């Protein structure tokens, strides 16, 4: 019995069950199983492992780039804030 047939069979009394719901449930379960096999070391297909590692490294690089951009934005704001504080100090010192 296919995964889809099993899902339909187990939910045959649900009148609100749509094809999209079935597909989503099956894909979610299969993806979870696939990722678990990679992470626990039971996946034997090295091509899949390489694709996963490449994806994760890409996500890590994207997060690092975003973090650098946030730091740059913070650095750009600081001098202006310091200039405003210095100007305020000078005006109150007089």
N, C-alpha and C. Protein backbone atom coordinates (compact mmCIF):
# COMPACT_ATOMS: atom_id res chain seq x y z
N UNK A 1 0.85 -1.18 0.00
CA UNK A 1 0.00 0.00 0.00
C UNK A 1 0.90 1.24 0.00
N UNK A 2 0.58 2.21 -0.84
CA UNK A 2 1.39 3.42 -0.92
C UNK A 2 1.18 4.30 0.31
N UNK A 3 2.10 5.23 0.50
CA UNK A 3 1.99 6.15 1.63
C UNK A 3 0.70 6.96 1.57
N UNK A 4 0.33 7.35 0.35
CA UNK A 4 -0.89 8.14 0.19
C UNK A 4 -2.12 7.30 0.53
N UNK A 5 -2.12 6.06 0.06
CA UNK A 5 -3.25 5.18 0.36
C UNK A 5 -3.38 4.95 1.86
N UNK A 6 -2.25 4.78 2.52
CA UNK A 6 -2.27 4.58 3.97
C UNK A 6 -2.86 5.80 4.67
N UNK A 7 -2.46 6.98 4.23
CA UNK A 7 -2.96 8.22 4.85
C UNK A 7 -4.46 8.36 4.63
N UNK A 8 -4.91 8.07 3.43
CA UNK A 8 -6.35 8.15 3.13
C UNK A 8 -7.11 7.12 3.95
N UNK A 9 -6.58 5.91 4.00
CA UNK A 9 -7.23 4.83 4.75
C UNK A 9 -7.34 5.17 6.23
N UNK A 10 -6.31 5.77 6.79
CA UNK A 10 -6.33 6.08 8.23
C UNK A 10 -7.22 7.28 8.54
N UNK A 11 -7.59 8.06 7.53
CA UNK A 11 -8.43 9.24 7.75
C UNK A 11 -9.69 9.21 6.90
N UNK A 12 -10.17 8.03 6.56
CA UNK A 12 -11.31 7.92 5.64
C UNK A 12 -12.59 8.54 6.18
N UNK A 13 -12.71 8.67 7.48
CA UNK A 13 -13.94 9.23 8.06
C UNK A 13 -13.88 10.75 8.24
N UNK A 14 -12.80 11.37 7.80
CA UNK A 14 -12.64 12.82 7.94
C UNK A 14 -13.16 13.50 6.67
N UNK A 15 -14.32 14.17 6.73
CA UNK A 15 -14.90 14.79 5.54
C UNK A 15 -14.13 16.03 5.07
N UNK A 16 -13.28 16.57 5.94
CA UNK A 16 -12.55 17.79 5.59
C UNK A 16 -11.15 17.51 5.05
N UNK A 17 -10.82 16.26 4.91
CA UNK A 17 -9.50 15.89 4.43
C UNK A 17 -9.37 16.23 2.94
N UNK A 18 -8.38 17.01 2.60
CA UNK A 18 -8.16 17.39 1.21
C UNK A 18 -6.91 16.70 0.69
N UNK A 19 -6.77 16.70 -0.61
CA UNK A 19 -5.59 16.12 -1.23
C UNK A 19 -4.34 16.85 -0.74
N UNK A 20 -4.42 18.17 -0.65
CA UNK A 20 -3.27 18.96 -0.19
C UNK A 20 -2.86 18.57 1.23
N UNK A 21 -3.85 18.32 2.08
CA UNK A 21 -3.56 17.91 3.45
C UNK A 21 -2.84 16.57 3.47
N UNK A 22 -3.32 15.65 2.67
CA UNK A 22 -2.69 14.33 2.61
C UNK A 22 -1.25 14.45 2.13
N UNK A 23 -1.05 15.19 1.05
CA UNK A 23 0.30 15.36 0.50
C UNK A 23 1.21 16.02 1.53
N UNK A 24 0.71 17.05 2.19
CA UNK A 24 1.51 17.74 3.21
C UNK A 24 1.91 16.81 4.33
N UNK A 25 0.98 16.03 4.82
CA UNK A 25 1.28 15.09 5.92
C UNK A 25 2.32 14.06 5.51
N UNK A 26 2.14 13.49 4.31
CA UNK A 26 3.07 12.46 3.85
C UNK A 26 4.46 13.07 3.64
N UNK A 27 4.52 14.22 2.99
CA UNK A 27 5.81 14.85 2.76
C UNK A 27 6.49 15.23 4.06
N UNK A 28 5.74 15.76 5.00
CA UNK A 28 6.30 16.13 6.29
C UNK A 28 6.90 14.91 6.98
N UNK A 29 6.17 13.82 6.97
CA UNK A 29 6.64 12.59 7.61
C UNK A 29 7.89 12.05 6.91
N UNK A 30 7.86 12.05 5.57
CA UNK A 30 9.00 11.54 4.82
C UNK A 30 10.23 12.43 4.98
N UNK A 31 10.02 13.74 4.97
CA UNK A 31 11.14 14.67 5.16
C UNK A 31 11.75 14.50 6.54
N UNK A 32 10.91 14.37 7.54
CA UNK A 32 11.40 14.17 8.91
C UNK A 32 12.22 12.89 8.98
N UNK A 33 11.71 11.84 8.38
CA UNK A 33 12.40 10.56 8.39
C UNK A 33 13.74 10.67 7.66
N UNK A 34 13.73 11.36 6.53
CA UNK A 34 14.95 11.55 5.75
C UNK A 34 15.99 12.34 6.53
N UNK A 35 15.57 13.45 7.13
CA UNK A 35 16.52 14.25 7.92
C UNK A 35 17.05 13.49 9.12
N UNK A 36 16.18 12.74 9.78
CA UNK A 36 16.63 11.93 10.91
C UNK A 36 17.67 10.91 10.47
N UNK A 37 17.48 10.32 9.29
CA UNK A 37 18.45 9.33 8.81
C UNK A 37 19.80 9.97 8.53
N UNK A 38 19.80 11.21 8.06
CA UNK A 38 21.06 11.91 7.83
C UNK A 38 21.72 12.24 9.17
N UNK A 39 20.94 12.79 10.08
CA UNK A 39 21.50 13.24 11.35
C UNK A 39 21.93 12.09 12.25
N UNK A 40 21.24 10.97 12.19
CA UNK A 40 21.65 9.86 13.06
C UNK A 40 22.64 8.91 12.38
N UNK A 41 23.02 9.24 11.14
CA UNK A 41 24.07 8.48 10.46
C UNK A 41 23.61 7.21 9.78
N UNK A 42 22.31 7.01 9.64
CA UNK A 42 21.83 5.78 8.99
C UNK A 42 21.56 5.97 7.50
N UNK A 43 21.65 7.18 6.99
CA UNK A 43 21.46 7.42 5.56
C UNK A 43 22.69 6.90 4.82
N UNK A 44 22.48 6.06 3.82
CA UNK A 44 23.60 5.47 3.10
C UNK A 44 23.87 6.14 1.76
N UNK A 45 23.02 7.06 1.35
CA UNK A 45 23.20 7.73 0.07
C UNK A 45 24.05 8.98 0.29
N UNK A 46 25.32 8.90 -0.09
CA UNK A 46 26.24 10.01 0.16
C UNK A 46 25.86 11.25 -0.65
N UNK A 47 25.22 11.07 -1.78
CA UNK A 47 24.80 12.22 -2.58
C UNK A 47 23.78 13.06 -1.81
N UNK A 48 22.83 12.40 -1.16
CA UNK A 48 21.84 13.11 -0.35
C UNK A 48 22.50 13.82 0.82
N UNK A 49 23.45 13.15 1.44
CA UNK A 49 24.16 13.75 2.57
C UNK A 49 24.90 15.00 2.10
N UNK A 50 25.58 14.90 0.95
CA UNK A 50 26.32 16.04 0.41
C UNK A 50 25.39 17.21 0.10
N UNK A 51 24.23 16.91 -0.46
CA UNK A 51 23.26 17.97 -0.77
C UNK A 51 22.79 18.64 0.51
N UNK A 52 22.52 17.84 1.52
CA UNK A 52 22.08 18.39 2.81
C UNK A 52 23.16 19.26 3.43
N UNK A 53 24.40 18.77 3.43
CA UNK A 53 25.51 19.54 4.00
C UNK A 53 25.70 20.85 3.24
N UNK A 54 25.62 20.79 1.91
CA UNK A 54 25.75 22.00 1.10
C UNK A 54 24.65 23.00 1.43
N UNK A 55 23.44 22.51 1.60
CA UNK A 55 22.32 23.38 1.95
C UNK A 55 22.54 24.04 3.31
N UNK A 56 22.94 23.24 4.29
CA UNK A 56 23.16 23.77 5.64
C UNK A 56 24.28 24.80 5.64
N UNK A 57 25.36 24.52 4.92
CA UNK A 57 26.47 25.48 4.85
C UNK A 57 26.02 26.77 4.18
N UNK A 58 25.16 26.66 3.17
CA UNK A 58 24.62 27.85 2.52
C UNK A 58 23.77 28.67 3.48
N UNK A 59 22.95 27.98 4.28
CA UNK A 59 22.13 28.68 5.27
C UNK A 59 23.01 29.36 6.31
N UNK A 60 24.07 28.67 6.71
CA UNK A 60 24.99 29.23 7.70
C UNK A 60 25.67 30.48 7.14
N UNK A 61 26.08 30.43 5.87
CA UNK A 61 26.70 31.59 5.23
C UNK A 61 25.72 32.75 5.14
N UNK A 62 24.46 32.45 4.81
CA UNK A 62 23.44 33.50 4.74
C UNK A 62 23.22 34.16 6.09
N UNK A 63 23.20 33.34 7.15
CA UNK A 63 23.02 33.89 8.50
C UNK A 63 24.21 34.75 8.91
N UNK A 64 25.42 34.30 8.55
CA UNK A 64 26.62 35.07 8.88
C UNK A 64 26.61 36.41 8.14
N UNK A 65 26.20 36.39 6.88
CA UNK A 65 26.12 37.63 6.10
C UNK A 65 25.09 38.57 6.71
N UNK A 66 23.94 38.04 7.08
CA UNK A 66 22.90 38.86 7.71
C UNK A 66 23.43 39.46 9.01
N UNK A 67 24.16 38.66 9.79
CA UNK A 67 24.71 39.15 11.06
C UNK A 67 25.71 40.28 10.80
N UNK A 68 26.56 40.12 9.79
CA UNK A 68 27.52 41.20 9.45
C UNK A 68 26.78 42.47 9.04
N UNK A 69 25.71 42.30 8.25
CA UNK A 69 24.93 43.47 7.84
C UNK A 69 24.33 44.18 9.05
N UNK A 70 23.84 43.40 10.01
CA UNK A 70 23.28 44.01 11.22
C UNK A 70 24.35 44.75 12.01
N UNK A 71 25.54 44.18 12.09
CA UNK A 71 26.64 44.85 12.79
C UNK A 71 27.02 46.14 12.07
N UNK A 72 27.06 46.09 10.73
CA UNK A 72 27.38 47.29 9.95
C UNK A 72 26.35 48.38 10.19
N UNK A 73 25.08 48.01 10.23
CA UNK A 73 24.03 49.00 10.49
C UNK A 73 24.21 49.63 11.86
N UNK A 74 24.56 48.80 12.84
CA UNK A 74 24.77 49.29 14.21
C UNK A 74 25.96 50.24 14.25
N UNK A 75 27.04 49.87 13.56
CA UNK A 75 28.24 50.72 13.54
C UNK A 75 27.94 52.06 12.89
N UNK A 76 27.13 52.06 11.84
CA UNK A 76 26.81 53.30 11.15
C UNK A 76 25.96 54.22 12.03
N UNK A 77 25.14 53.64 12.87
CA UNK A 77 24.28 54.45 13.74
C UNK A 77 25.07 55.06 14.89
N UNK A 78 26.05 54.35 15.38
CA UNK A 78 26.77 54.80 16.57
C UNK A 78 27.45 56.15 16.40
N UNK A 79 28.20 56.39 15.33
CA UNK A 79 28.85 57.70 15.22
C UNK A 79 27.84 58.85 15.23
N UNK A 80 26.73 58.70 14.59
CA UNK A 80 25.72 59.76 14.57
C UNK A 80 25.17 59.98 15.98
N UNK A 81 24.94 58.90 16.69
CA UNK A 81 24.45 59.03 18.06
C UNK A 81 25.49 59.71 18.94
N UNK A 82 26.76 59.36 18.74
CA UNK A 82 27.83 59.98 19.53
C UNK A 82 27.96 61.46 19.19
N UNK A 83 27.83 61.80 17.91
CA UNK A 83 27.89 63.20 17.50
C UNK A 83 26.76 63.99 18.16
N UNK A 84 25.59 63.41 18.21
CA UNK A 84 24.45 64.09 18.83
C UNK A 84 24.70 64.29 20.32
N UNK A 85 25.27 63.28 20.97
CA UNK A 85 25.57 63.40 22.41
C UNK A 85 26.64 64.46 22.65
N UNK A 86 27.66 64.46 21.79
CA UNK A 86 28.73 65.46 21.93
C UNK A 86 28.19 66.87 21.73
N UNK A 87 27.32 67.03 20.75
CA UNK A 87 26.73 68.35 20.51
C UNK A 87 25.88 68.78 21.70
N UNK A 88 25.16 67.86 22.28
CA UNK A 88 24.33 68.16 23.44
C UNK A 88 25.20 68.55 24.63
N UNK A 89 26.31 67.82 24.82
CA UNK A 89 27.23 68.13 25.92
C UNK A 89 27.81 69.53 25.76
N UNK A 90 28.21 69.86 24.53
CA UNK A 90 28.81 71.17 24.28
C UNK A 90 27.81 72.29 24.57
N UNK A 91 26.56 72.05 24.21
CA UNK A 91 25.56 73.10 24.43
C UNK A 91 25.23 73.25 25.91
N UNK A 92 25.33 72.20 26.68
CA UNK A 92 25.03 72.30 28.11
C UNK A 92 26.24 72.76 28.91
N UNK A 93 27.44 72.61 28.37
CA UNK A 93 28.65 73.03 29.07
C UNK A 93 28.78 74.56 29.09
N UNK A 94 28.20 75.21 28.11
CA UNK A 94 28.34 76.68 28.02
C UNK A 94 27.62 77.40 29.07
